Every structure is written in structure tokens, then in C-alpha cells.
Protein backbone atom coordinates (compact mmCIF):
# COMPACT_ATOMS: atom_id res chain seq x y z
CA UNK A 1 15.84 -16.55 7.57
CA UNK A 2 13.61 -19.37 7.80
CA UNK A 3 10.22 -19.47 9.29
CA UNK A 4 11.03 -21.50 12.61
CA UNK A 5 14.04 -19.32 13.44
CA UNK A 6 11.91 -16.43 15.73
CA UNK A 7 15.23 -14.98 17.20
CA UNK A 8 16.63 -13.92 14.18
CA UNK A 9 16.01 -10.52 13.02
CA UNK A 10 14.78 -10.09 9.41
CA UNK A 11 17.06 -8.37 6.78
CA UNK A 12 16.59 -4.75 6.57
CA UNK A 13 14.10 -3.25 4.47
CA UNK A 14 14.46 0.46 5.28
CA UNK A 15 15.89 1.88 8.46
CA UNK A 16 13.39 2.69 10.98
CA UNK A 17 13.92 6.36 11.44
CA UNK A 18 12.52 6.40 7.54
CA UNK A 19 9.27 4.18 8.67
CA UNK A 20 8.61 6.26 11.84
CA UNK A 21 8.80 9.50 9.50
CA UNK A 22 6.68 7.54 6.84
CA UNK A 23 4.28 6.86 9.88
CA UNK A 24 4.05 9.76 11.17
CA UNK A 25 3.72 11.83 7.41
CA UNK A 26 0.52 9.69 7.04
CA UNK A 27 -0.95 9.70 10.08
CA UNK A 28 0.37 12.67 12.06
CA UNK A 29 -2.49 14.51 11.31
CA UNK A 30 -5.01 11.72 12.73
CA UNK A 31 -3.27 11.28 16.30
CA UNK A 32 -2.55 15.13 16.63
CA UNK A 33 -6.35 15.59 16.39
CA UNK A 34 -7.44 13.01 19.10
CA UNK A 35 -6.23 15.64 21.75
CA UNK A 36 -4.26 13.32 23.57
CA UNK A 37 -1.02 14.79 24.62
CA UNK A 38 2.40 14.05 22.60
CA UNK A 39 4.61 11.58 24.35
CA UNK A 40 7.78 13.19 25.84
CA UNK A 41 10.88 11.17 24.59
CA UNK A 42 12.75 8.93 27.04
CA UNK A 43 16.18 8.27 27.02
CA UNK A 44 17.55 5.21 24.77
CA UNK A 45 14.23 5.40 22.58
CA UNK A 46 13.83 7.17 19.18
CA UNK A 47 12.57 10.55 19.18
CA UNK A 48 9.51 9.83 17.20
CA UNK A 49 7.21 7.70 18.59
CA UNK A 50 4.07 6.60 18.19
CA UNK A 51 1.55 7.64 21.14
CA UNK A 52 -1.30 5.10 20.90
CA UNK A 53 -1.77 2.65 24.12
CA UNK A 54 0.13 -0.61 23.74
CA UNK A 55 -1.96 -3.63 24.46
CA UNK A 56 0.24 -6.25 26.40
CA UNK A 57 1.57 -9.13 24.26
CA UNK A 58 0.17 -12.52 24.01
CA UNK A 59 1.35 -14.74 27.04
CA UNK A 60 1.59 -11.85 29.49
CA UNK A 61 -1.08 -10.86 32.47
CA UNK A 62 -1.65 -8.33 34.09
CA UNK A 63 -0.10 -9.74 37.27
CA UNK A 64 3.58 -9.58 35.85
CA UNK A 65 3.11 -5.77 34.73
CA UNK A 66 1.80 -4.70 38.29
CA UNK A 67 5.32 -6.50 39.65
CA UNK A 68 7.29 -4.20 37.93
CA UNK A 69 9.20 -1.51 40.08
CA UNK A 70 7.85 -3.58 43.17
CA UNK A 71 11.96 -4.57 44.05
CA UNK A 72 13.77 -1.56 46.63
CA UNK A 73 15.82 0.86 44.70
CA UNK A 74 19.47 -0.14 44.56
CA UNK A 75 20.79 3.38 45.37
CA UNK A 76 18.55 3.64 48.56
CA UNK A 77 20.80 4.83 51.65
CA UNK A 78 21.02 2.82 54.70
CA UNK A 79 19.76 4.02 57.71
CA UNK A 80 21.91 6.65 59.96
CA UNK A 81 23.93 5.33 62.37
CA UNK A 82 23.06 6.57 66.23
CA UNK A 83 26.43 9.18 66.98
CA UNK A 84 29.10 7.83 69.33
CA UNK A 85 28.49 10.76 71.47
CA UNK A 86 25.16 10.73 72.80
CA UNK A 87 24.34 11.87 75.88
CA UNK A 88 22.86 9.11 78.28
CA UNK A 89 19.41 9.22 78.46
CA UNK A 90 18.54 11.40 75.28
CA UNK A 91 17.94 9.58 72.26
CA UNK A 92 19.67 10.09 69.40
CA UNK A 93 19.27 12.71 66.56
CA UNK A 94 19.43 11.88 62.88
CA UNK A 95 22.03 14.39 60.98
CA UNK A 96 20.14 17.02 59.22
CA UNK A 97 20.01 15.52 55.43
CA UNK A 98 22.66 17.25 52.90
CA UNK A 99 20.89 19.22 50.32
CA UNK A 100 19.64 17.03 46.86
CA UNK A 101 19.27 14.10 49.58
CA UNK A 102 16.51 12.16 50.79
CA UNK A 103 15.76 12.62 54.70
CA UNK A 104 16.49 9.20 56.20
CA UNK A 105 12.40 7.99 56.58
CA UNK A 106 11.33 8.37 60.47
CA UNK A 107 10.82 4.45 61.63
CA UNK A 108 7.57 5.08 63.45
CA UNK A 109 5.75 6.50 60.11
CA UNK A 110 4.57 4.06 57.70
CA UNK A 111 7.19 4.22 54.53
CA UNK A 112 4.89 6.07 51.44
CA UNK A 113 4.45 3.98 48.66
CA UNK A 114 6.96 3.96 46.22
CA UNK A 115 5.90 6.34 43.13
CA UNK A 116 5.05 4.35 39.80
CA UNK A 117 5.38 5.83 36.42
CA UNK A 118 1.26 6.17 34.89
CA UNK A 119 0.35 3.71 32.97
CA UNK A 120 -2.35 3.94 30.25
CA UNK A 121 -4.87 1.37 30.38
CA UNK A 122 -4.29 -1.59 28.28
CA UNK A 123 -6.74 -2.57 25.75
CA UNK A 124 -8.36 -5.97 26.44
CA UNK A 125 -6.84 -8.56 24.44
CA UNK A 126 -10.23 -10.30 22.00
CA UNK A 127 -11.54 -13.82 21.97
CA UNK A 128 -10.03 -16.17 19.39
CA UNK A 129 -12.45 -17.80 16.75
CA UNK A 130 -12.64 -20.50 15.04
CA UNK A 131 -12.55 -19.88 11.01
CA UNK A 132 -14.93 -22.50 10.14
CA UNK A 133 -17.61 -24.47 11.75
CA UNK A 134 -16.87 -27.80 12.51
CA UNK A 135 -19.55 -29.30 10.80
CA UNK A 136 -18.80 -27.87 7.43
CA UNK A 137 -15.12 -29.15 7.78
CA UNK A 138 -17.07 -32.67 7.61
CA UNK A 139 -19.00 -31.60 4.67
CA UNK A 140 -16.00 -30.28 2.46
CA UNK A 141 -15.19 -34.22 2.61
CA UNK A 142 -11.85 -35.30 0.93
CA UNK A 143 -10.68 -32.61 -1.85
CA UNK A 144 -10.38 -33.25 -4.87
CA UNK A 145 -7.02 -32.89 -6.98
CA UNK A 146 -7.02 -30.24 -9.80
CA UNK A 147 -6.50 -32.71 -12.41
CA UNK A 148 -8.15 -35.65 -13.13
CA UNK A 149 -5.99 -38.81 -12.94
CA UNK A 150 -6.09 -39.37 -16.77
CA UNK A 151 -4.66 -36.05 -17.29
CA UNK A 152 -1.90 -36.97 -14.92
CA UNK A 153 -1.11 -39.82 -16.42
CA UNK A 154 -1.05 -38.35 -20.15
CA UNK A 155 0.95 -35.54 -18.53
CA UNK A 156 3.41 -38.08 -16.82
CA UNK A 157 3.67 -39.69 -20.55
CA UNK A 158 4.30 -36.20 -22.20
CA UNK A 159 7.45 -35.50 -19.92
CA UNK A 160 8.97 -38.88 -20.93
CA UNK A 161 8.95 -37.57 -24.77
CA UNK A 162 9.26 -33.64 -23.96
CA UNK A 163 12.59 -31.44 -23.93
CA UNK A 164 13.55 -31.47 -19.95
CA UNK A 165 15.61 -28.62 -20.39
CA UNK A 166 13.28 -25.60 -21.76
CA UNK A 167 11.20 -26.40 -18.37
CA UNK A 168 14.41 -26.26 -16.20
CA UNK A 169 15.23 -22.76 -17.61
CA UNK A 170 11.80 -21.59 -17.87
CA UNK A 171 12.09 -22.86 -13.68
CA UNK A 172 15.08 -21.19 -13.30
CA UNK A 173 13.78 -17.78 -14.97
CA UNK A 174 10.68 -17.89 -13.08
CA UNK A 175 12.47 -18.57 -9.23
CA UNK A 176 14.80 -15.78 -9.98
CA UNK A 177 12.34 -13.33 -10.59
CA UNK A 178 10.16 -14.55 -7.19
CA UNK A 179 13.71 -14.27 -5.50
CA UNK A 180 14.63 -10.51 -6.23
CA UNK A 181 16.55 -8.80 -3.17
CA UNK A 182 14.06 -5.86 -1.86
CA UNK A 183 15.31 -2.86 0.18
CA UNK A 184 12.14 -1.88 1.65
CA UNK A 185 9.23 -4.06 2.62
CA UNK A 186 6.84 -4.34 -1.08
CA UNK A 187 2.90 -3.98 -0.71
CA UNK A 188 0.64 -5.77 -3.52
CA UNK A 189 -2.52 -5.33 -3.63
CA UNK A 190 -5.40 -7.54 -4.76
CA UNK A 191 -8.97 -6.44 -5.76
CA UNK A 192 -11.90 -6.68 -8.23
CA UNK A 193 -14.59 -5.25 -9.31
CA UNK A 194 -17.29 -7.46 -7.41
CA UNK A 195 -16.85 -10.13 -5.06
CA UNK A 196 -17.02 -13.82 -5.70
CA UNK A 197 -14.47 -14.18 -8.39
CA UNK A 198 -11.93 -15.97 -6.89
CA UNK A 199 -9.82 -12.48 -5.47
CA UNK A 200 -9.03 -14.01 -2.22
CA UNK A 201 -8.31 -17.16 -3.55
CA UNK A 202 -5.61 -15.66 -5.56
CA UNK A 203 -4.04 -13.87 -2.47
CA UNK A 204 -3.71 -17.22 -0.80
CA UNK A 205 -1.86 -18.57 -3.84
CA UNK A 206 0.16 -15.33 -4.28
CA UNK A 207 1.28 -15.37 -0.70
CA UNK A 208 2.00 -19.15 -0.20
CA UNK A 209 4.30 -19.14 -3.43
CA UNK A 210 5.96 -16.14 -2.66
CA UNK A 211 6.62 -17.60 0.39
CA UNK A 212 7.72 -20.85 -0.61
CA UNK A 213 10.24 -19.27 -3.21
CA UNK A 214 11.64 -16.39 -0.97
CA UNK A 215 13.99 -16.62 2.29
CA UNK A 216 12.61 -13.58 4.18
CA UNK A 217 9.20 -13.45 5.81
CA UNK A 218 6.25 -12.94 3.91
CA UNK A 219 2.86 -11.26 5.21
CA UNK A 220 -0.49 -12.03 3.57
CA UNK A 221 -3.34 -9.63 5.30
CA UNK A 222 -6.85 -9.67 4.44
CA UNK A 223 -7.91 -5.88 3.98
CA UNK A 224 -11.90 -6.99 3.57
CA UNK A 225 -14.31 -6.84 6.76
CA UNK A 226 -17.42 -8.40 4.96
CA UNK A 227 -16.47 -11.76 5.90
CA UNK A 228 -13.65 -12.83 3.45
CA UNK A 229 -12.39 -16.05 2.67
CA UNK A 230 -9.01 -15.57 3.15
CA UNK A 231 -8.08 -17.18 6.47
CA UNK A 232 -10.34 -20.19 5.43
CA UNK A 233 -8.04 -20.31 1.91
CA UNK A 234 -4.78 -20.04 3.96
CA UNK A 235 -5.44 -23.06 6.54
CA UNK A 236 -5.83 -21.01 9.80
CA UNK A 237 -7.72 -22.76 11.87
CA UNK A 238 -8.68 -19.67 14.11
CA UNK A 239 -7.88 -16.32 13.90
CA UNK A 240 -7.62 -13.61 17.26
CA UNK A 241 -6.24 -10.45 16.31
CA UNK A 242 -7.68 -8.04 13.39
CA UNK A 243 -5.80 -5.51 11.22
CA UNK A 244 -8.28 -2.96 13.13
CA UNK A 245 -7.09 -4.23 16.71
CA UNK A 246 -3.32 -4.18 15.61
CA UNK A 247 -3.16 -0.81 14.34
CA UNK A 248 -3.07 0.56 18.10
CA UNK A 249 -0.75 -2.05 19.46
CA UNK A 250 2.07 -1.25 16.73
CA UNK A 251 5.06 0.98 18.00
CA UNK A 252 8.42 1.17 16.42
CA UNK A 253 10.47 -0.47 18.87
CA UNK A 254 9.09 -3.68 18.29
CA UNK A 255 10.65 -6.95 17.02
CA UNK A 256 9.74 -9.33 14.50
CA UNK A 257 9.19 -11.74 17.74
CA UNK A 258 6.99 -9.26 19.22
CA UNK A 259 5.01 -8.39 15.87
CA UNK A 260 4.30 -12.22 14.93
CA UNK A 261 3.02 -13.19 18.21
CA UNK A 262 0.03 -10.93 17.25
CA UNK A 263 -0.54 -13.01 13.32
CA UNK A 264 -1.49 -16.40 12.32
CA UNK A 265 1.33 -18.78 11.44
CA UNK A 266 0.52 -20.48 8.21
CA UNK A 267 1.18 -24.32 8.28
CA UNK A 268 3.45 -24.40 5.41
CA UNK A 269 5.01 -20.96 6.34
CA UNK A 270 4.67 -17.22 6.35
CA UNK A 271 2.13 -15.28 8.52
CA UNK A 272 -1.99 -13.93 8.52
CA UNK A 273 -3.22 -11.31 9.68
CA UNK A 274 -7.11 -11.04 9.19
CA UNK A 275 -9.40 -8.64 8.97
CA UNK A 276 -12.44 -9.75 11.01
CA UNK A 277 -13.21 -13.06 13.17
CA UNK A 278 -15.63 -14.53 11.30
CA UNK A 279 -18.71 -11.99 12.32
CA UNK A 280 -20.29 -8.93 10.81
CA UNK A 281 -18.56 -5.96 12.16
CA UNK A 282 -17.75 -2.20 11.29
CA UNK A 283 -16.11 -1.51 7.97
CA UNK A 284 -12.08 -1.38 8.09
CA UNK A 285 -10.65 2.16 8.52
CA UNK A 286 -8.78 3.99 5.74
CA UNK A 287 -6.40 5.13 8.44
CA UNK A 288 -5.89 2.03 10.42
CA UNK A 289 -5.12 -0.24 7.10
CA UNK A 290 -2.38 2.80 6.03
CA UNK A 291 -1.07 2.61 9.72
CA UNK A 292 -0.44 -1.31 9.67
CA UNK A 293 0.92 -2.10 6.04
CA UNK A 294 3.73 0.85 6.39
CA UNK A 295 4.51 -0.16 9.98
CA UNK A 296 4.80 -4.05 8.80
CA UNK A 297 6.77 -3.27 6.02
CA UNK A 298 9.65 -2.67 8.45
CA UNK A 299 9.28 -6.47 9.41
CA UNK A 300 7.71 -8.48 6.18
CA UNK A 301 9.65 -8.32 2.46
CA UNK A 302 6.28 -8.68 1.03
CA UNK A 303 3.03 -7.70 2.27
CA UNK A 304 0.06 -9.68 -0.03
CA UNK A 305 -2.84 -7.29 0.84
CA UNK A 306 -6.59 -9.06 -0.20
CA UNK A 307 -8.43 -5.97 -0.46
CA UNK A 308 -12.59 -5.28 -0.19
CA UNK A 309 -13.94 -4.87 -3.95
CA UNK A 310 -13.66 -1.51 -5.90
CA UNK A 311 -14.71 1.01 -5.72
CA UNK A 312 -14.65 0.72 -1.92
CA UNK A 313 -12.41 3.19 -0.18
CA UNK A 314 -9.52 1.22 1.48
CA UNK A 315 -9.22 -0.65 -1.82
CA UNK A 316 -9.06 2.68 -3.60
CA UNK A 317 -6.44 3.69 -1.20
CA UNK A 318 -4.27 0.21 -1.74
CA UNK A 319 -4.85 0.53 -5.02
CA UNK A 320 -3.03 3.94 -5.03
CA UNK A 321 -0.32 3.15 -2.63
CA UNK A 322 0.63 -0.45 -3.42
CA UNK A 323 4.13 -0.98 -5.30
CA UNK A 324 2.25 -3.51 -7.75
CA UNK A 325 -1.35 -4.22 -8.06
CA UNK A 326 -3.38 -7.26 -8.91
CA UNK A 327 -7.38 -6.97 -10.53
CA UNK A 328 -8.76 -10.47 -10.59
CA UNK A 329 -11.38 -10.88 -13.58
CA UNK A 330 -14.44 -13.44 -14.01
CA UNK A 331 -14.25 -14.95 -17.60
CA UNK A 332 -17.55 -13.30 -18.64
CA UNK A 333 -18.20 -10.56 -20.90
CA UNK A 334 -19.99 -8.19 -17.94
CA UNK A 335 -16.63 -9.16 -15.97
CA UNK A 336 -13.98 -8.09 -18.66
CA UNK A 337 -15.85 -4.82 -19.08
CA UNK A 338 -15.87 -3.45 -15.17
CA UNK A 339 -12.10 -4.87 -15.39
CA UNK A 340 -11.32 -2.59 -17.95
CA UNK A 341 -12.86 0.26 -16.47
CA UNK A 342 -10.70 -0.04 -13.84
CA UNK A 343 -7.77 -0.13 -15.92
CA UNK A 344 -8.97 2.90 -17.49
CA UNK A 345 -9.00 4.73 -14.01
CA UNK A 346 -5.61 3.29 -13.28
CA UNK A 347 -4.22 5.08 -16.34
CA UNK A 348 -5.31 8.34 -14.83
CA UNK A 349 -3.63 8.72 -11.65
CA UNK A 350 -0.65 10.74 -11.37
CA UNK A 351 2.32 8.18 -10.94
CA UNK A 352 1.07 5.38 -13.67
CA UNK A 353 0.27 2.99 -11.60
CA UNK A 354 -0.94 0.92 -14.40
CA UNK A 355 2.70 0.40 -15.41
CA UNK A 356 2.73 -1.78 -12.00
CA UNK A 357 -0.92 -3.84 -12.65
CA UNK A 358 -1.73 -6.86 -13.40
CA UNK A 359 -4.84 -8.57 -14.66
CA UNK A 360 -5.83 -12.50 -13.32
CA UNK A 361 -8.54 -13.56 -15.43
CA UNK A 362 -9.92 -16.33 -13.70
CA UNK A 363 -11.72 -19.51 -14.86
CA UNK A 364 -14.45 -20.21 -12.25
CA UNK A 365 -16.03 -22.94 -14.06
CA UNK A 366 -15.01 -25.55 -16.55
CA UNK A 367 -18.00 -24.50 -19.19
CA UNK A 368 -16.93 -20.99 -19.97
CA UNK A 369 -18.61 -19.41 -23.25
CA UNK A 370 -16.65 -16.64 -23.42
CA UNK A 371 -14.30 -16.67 -25.65
CA UNK A 372 -10.53 -16.32 -23.77
CA UNK A 373 -8.35 -14.76 -26.51
CA UNK A 374 -10.67 -12.43 -27.31
CA UNK A 375 -11.34 -11.26 -23.54
CA UNK A 376 -7.39 -11.27 -23.16
CA UNK A 377 -6.97 -8.67 -25.85
CA UNK A 378 -9.22 -6.35 -24.84
CA UNK A 379 -7.67 -6.24 -21.69
CA UNK A 380 -4.42 -6.01 -23.35
CA UNK A 381 -5.39 -3.29 -25.03
CA UNK A 382 -5.41 -1.11 -21.73
CA UNK A 383 -1.56 -1.52 -21.69
CA UNK A 384 -1.57 -4.20 -18.96
CA UNK A 385 -0.17 -7.80 -18.51
CA UNK A 386 -3.09 -10.33 -18.37
CA UNK A 387 -2.50 -14.53 -16.71
CA UNK A 388 -5.36 -16.50 -17.31
CA UNK A 389 -5.78 -19.08 -14.62
CA UNK A 390 -7.50 -22.08 -15.84
CA UNK A 391 -10.46 -23.74 -13.79
CA UNK A 392 -9.01 -25.74 -11.04
CA UNK A 393 -11.23 -28.79 -9.41
CA UNK A 394 -9.31 -28.39 -6.62
CA UNK A 395 -9.93 -25.06 -6.14
CA UNK A 396 -13.61 -25.00 -7.05
CA UNK A 397 -14.20 -26.99 -3.87
CA UNK A 398 -13.69 -24.10 -1.01
CA UNK A 399 -11.77 -24.42 2.11
CA UNK A 400 -8.20 -24.48 2.77
CA UNK A 401 -5.89 -24.81 -0.15
CA UNK A 402 -3.70 -27.58 -0.22
CA UNK A 403 -0.19 -26.64 -3.04
CA UNK A 404 0.37 -30.31 -3.55
CA UNK A 405 -3.26 -30.51 -5.25
CA UNK A 406 -3.41 -28.04 -7.74
CA UNK A 407 -3.65 -29.07 -11.32
CA UNK A 408 -0.55 -28.27 -13.43
CA UNK A 409 -1.92 -25.69 -14.98
CA UNK A 410 -2.84 -23.60 -12.10
CA UNK A 411 0.75 -23.87 -10.58
CA UNK A 412 1.98 -22.44 -13.81
CA UNK A 413 -0.23 -20.05 -14.17
CA UNK A 414 0.55 -19.01 -10.44
CA UNK A 415 4.00 -18.78 -11.02
CA UNK A 416 3.84 -16.52 -13.40
CA UNK A 417 1.62 -14.17 -11.76
CA UNK A 418 3.74 -13.80 -8.87
CA UNK A 419 6.94 -13.26 -11.07
CA UNK A 420 4.89 -10.96 -12.92
CA UNK A 421 3.66 -8.79 -9.92
CA UNK A 422 7.51 -9.09 -7.92
CA UNK A 423 8.93 -8.31 -10.89
CA UNK A 424 6.59 -4.60 -11.43
CA UNK A 425 6.94 -4.43 -7.27
CA UNK A 426 10.53 -4.37 -7.41
CA UNK A 427 11.34 -1.81 -9.86
CA UNK A 428 8.94 0.80 -7.46
CA UNK A 429 11.16 2.94 -5.69
């Protein structure tokens, strides 16, 4: 399915009943504790349903909702005709209604209002907010290419004399890893030990790479409300609905076209769900995160979750429940040492989370003093794969990421990282 075909359903990643069972198992206790009565099942609807009040979909109005049920029912009986043998001067009497039928209304009395099914109050639709101040966009200027002109020229000359078949074979292998079919939606959690090391940048690169190679829907989700930069890195001009806003809206009967109405379409494909509207707000609730990720697995083959930094509650939950994990580590002595402690914690989890974890060792400056080979070996001792993401002038400038301006070494590193992550996510049942 291409991103432009909104009327088609995505390939099934698991039965709807399984999804509903997962949601009720994970969140049923919290819903029952809220004091709301359980919703009665209706004819033609799934037996298991969420009882959160549904917000109106974008594009609908309250007037349109009020117009439902205003037309007369098709099975209304016509007024009874006057009997032919009524004596003169006497008003004809209407026959007594039969058992089980409604009496004919008296024309002299106003008709009672049509009974309408009680409806829960709809949540207000949030306002759209720009992701970046227009003045800051002007300050960014023209984005730089990740490779300098001399480096691009040298690489072009080397390609003339190098073996092309080896490069083609490697690209084919990576593409095969990225395009592996999935039976249920896969969740990839990305986190780090502290902020500012490139966690959101790596999440945006993974989301765009997977969307480029896969033919099914890919979602990049932000689970960090601390003014995260993921919407800016993904190129979103404005955001509206957040993870917390969408949690009470999702229902099992929704289609993909219903869900994408609450998401931000990415310019080069894929979808984005932010965690905030560019303002400091309350932290994301762990229950809301689990409900949204469980629900959206039904519609998206892969969800890349840009989580808060460890040891946050949502980050620990995401790392514990995801199918694959990426820990972003800066190329510094403190960053590598703290990341090693995270890996030792993952090794103690009961379901061997370390086997599905990949470390992205990111260089944020061209003048890295730490020996890269030594840092990589220290992390590999924990039993994980380490992919080095080199310094890139285009990424260092901030702002929206343009994949055509990435350095050649950065593109190759991101491809290897995405292939390693996808291979581990598919192997998990």
C-alpha cells in the first residue's frame, strides 16, 4: 500500500480480537477503576469494546452530529382512516391500538420529541501549533550537505575504479532485511541515558528509512513530552493531536483512514504522532502510552517510539515491552560508561531484552577525543551490536532532516542500524 491510497486497509498484522484482548488485559483494571459502567455490546459490533468517550473526527461538526436521527423512521404507521359506518354528526373514533403497537397520535396534541440515544460529551478538538517559530526558520539558513565538496568529488572518483558488484550485493542484503514481512505490528523503542545526544535524530532517521524501504504503513511516535525535537526533525510544520489526546479517542472499530486523521503526514511518506504541541506540559502517562502503542500496532507495520531518557517510567516501560530497542550513546567517556550500565540492566530483564538491543554510537562533534575502537569494544562486551553513526554537518545544524543532504557514511550507518533493528524485531513473537 502506498501512502497516498487512503481508502485501502493495511495488511493485517494480527486479528482485531487479539488487539482488543491485549488492550483489555493491559488496561482493563485501570478502566474498571474509573467508576464508569461497562458499555453494553450492540448488534454488529465487537463484544470487547473500550469505554472511553470518543472525540469527533477531524472534519466533523457538532451540527452534523445533531442532525442524526432527525428524519422520521421508515416503519411509522399511517394515521388510521375514519370508518365508513360512523353515524352522522358523531366524530369517528379511532380503533383501539393492537397489542404491541403504538397508539395513533392525537392531531390536537403536539407530538412528543423523538427519543434519542444518550451520547457522551465529546472532547474538545485541540488547537494546531507550529513546531518552530518562523524567525528561527530564517535563522537556520540554507542547510549544509553532510559531505564537503571535496569529499563528494573524491568518492565519485573512487566509485569509477571500485567494484560495483560488492556494493550492490550489500545494498540488496540490507533492503531484504528492511522489507521482511511481519505478522503483527512491531514497536522499536529508542532511548538514551541523557538528553541532547541525538536520540530524536536517530528516531527520525529510522522512521524515514523504514518508510522508504517498506510498502506498509510506518509510524514515528514521540513519547517524550519535554519539548522534544522529533516533529521538527521529521519536517512537520504544525502539530495538533498528541499521544495523550489520542488515547481516549481510539476505538477497535476505527479504520486506518479514521486513525490517520489524527496524525501528521510526513512529506516523504509515513506518519507522525507527537507528544506535545511545543509547550511544557504534564509528563506522558504510562497507561496512555501503552494503550496507544497497543492500539496502533493494528494499523502500522512498524512504530518507532522516540522515548524519554532513562530512567523515566515511560522509557523503562517502552524498553521492557518493545520488540526491538535502540540505545543512543554519545562518543564520550561518561556517555559510554552510563550506556554500559543500561545494557547491564537490560540483561537482567526476564525476557532477554539484551538480545534485541542495538547501540547507536553517535558522534556529535568532528573533534572526538575518545578512541572509537575502544568505546565500541567496551559496549560489545555486554553482548550487543554497536553501529557507529559518524559526525554529519547536515545533522549538526538542526532543523528538518533532508535525506538527500546526508553524508554518504551517515546513510550507510543508518541503513545498517535499521537492518539490525528490523532483523531483531521480526524474530520476536
